[in-house]
């Protein structure tokens, strides 16, 4: 299971505490905004080369887990 702290960090000294990909100054929101605008994951990774594909995929996995936690199938 992916741990949030392995992928995301939040520190007042880095962008005022905005959640960023660990080891970068790239806000996690940037990935979600890119995807919402219709960009591909590859386009995001091209625009933010300090974020690894593994980090981006892990964030998407965490988001999926958070959104489906407790959901029941009928």
Protein backbone atom coordinates (compact mmCIF):
# COMPACT_ATOMS: atom_id res chain seq x y z
CA UNK A 1 0.00 0.00 0.00
CA UNK A 2 1.23 3.45 -0.89
CA UNK A 3 1.78 5.82 1.99
CA UNK A 4 0.87 9.47 1.52
CA UNK A 5 4.09 10.61 3.16
CA UNK A 6 6.13 8.68 0.60
CA UNK A 7 4.66 10.79 -2.20
CA UNK A 8 3.50 14.11 -0.75
CA UNK A 9 5.02 16.53 1.69
CA UNK A 10 3.76 19.78 3.16
CA UNK A 11 6.14 22.25 4.79
CA UNK A 12 5.51 25.90 5.60
CA UNK A 13 8.97 26.65 4.22
CA UNK A 14 8.07 25.20 0.80
CA UNK A 15 5.37 27.15 -1.02
CA UNK A 16 3.78 28.14 2.26
CA UNK A 17 2.75 24.58 3.12
CA UNK A 18 1.02 23.72 -0.15
CA UNK A 19 1.23 19.92 -0.63
CA UNK A 20 4.02 19.12 -3.11
CA UNK A 21 5.55 16.00 -4.56
CA UNK A 22 8.24 14.85 -2.11
CA UNK A 23 11.69 16.11 -3.10
CA UNK A 24 10.28 18.78 -5.41
CA UNK A 25 8.57 22.15 -5.29
CA UNK A 26 5.82 20.96 -7.63
CA UNK A 27 2.34 21.23 -6.10
CA UNK A 28 0.33 18.02 -6.36
CA UNK A 29 -2.53 20.18 -7.60
CA UNK A 30 -0.53 20.77 -10.79
CA UNK A 31 -1.01 17.15 -11.84
CA UNK A 32 -4.74 17.27 -11.20
CA UNK A 33 -5.07 20.57 -13.04
CA UNK A 34 -3.18 19.22 -16.05
CA UNK A 35 -5.35 16.13 -16.24
CA UNK A 36 -8.55 18.14 -15.76
CA UNK A 37 -7.50 20.35 -18.68
CA UNK A 38 -7.17 17.28 -20.89
CA UNK A 39 -3.39 16.94 -20.78
CA UNK A 40 -1.80 13.50 -20.65
CA UNK A 41 0.38 12.19 -17.87
CA UNK A 42 3.30 12.33 -20.30
CA UNK A 43 2.63 16.03 -20.95
CA UNK A 44 2.62 16.71 -17.20
CA UNK A 45 5.89 14.84 -16.75
CA UNK A 46 7.40 16.81 -19.63
CA UNK A 47 6.32 20.09 -18.02
CA UNK A 48 7.55 19.04 -14.56
CA UNK A 49 10.67 16.88 -15.06
CA UNK A 50 11.48 16.86 -11.33
CA UNK A 51 8.43 14.64 -10.76
CA UNK A 52 8.97 10.98 -11.59
CA UNK A 53 6.40 8.84 -13.35
CA UNK A 54 6.30 6.66 -10.21
CA UNK A 55 5.46 9.68 -8.03
CA UNK A 56 2.70 10.82 -10.38
CA UNK A 57 1.19 7.34 -10.61
CA UNK A 58 1.39 6.92 -6.84
CA UNK A 59 -0.48 10.20 -6.36
CA UNK A 60 -3.21 9.05 -8.74
CA UNK A 61 -3.41 5.74 -6.88
CA UNK A 62 -3.74 7.58 -3.55
CA UNK A 63 -6.48 9.80 -4.98
CA UNK A 64 -8.33 6.77 -6.29
CA UNK A 65 -8.08 5.02 -2.92
CA UNK A 66 -9.32 8.13 -1.10
CA UNK A 67 -12.27 8.56 -3.44
CA UNK A 68 -13.35 4.95 -3.34
CA UNK A 69 -12.69 4.21 0.32
CA UNK A 70 -15.81 2.90 1.93
CA UNK A 71 -17.68 2.63 -1.35
CA UNK A 72 -19.86 -0.41 -1.56
CA UNK A 73 -20.64 -2.35 -4.68
CA UNK A 74 -24.30 -3.08 -5.27
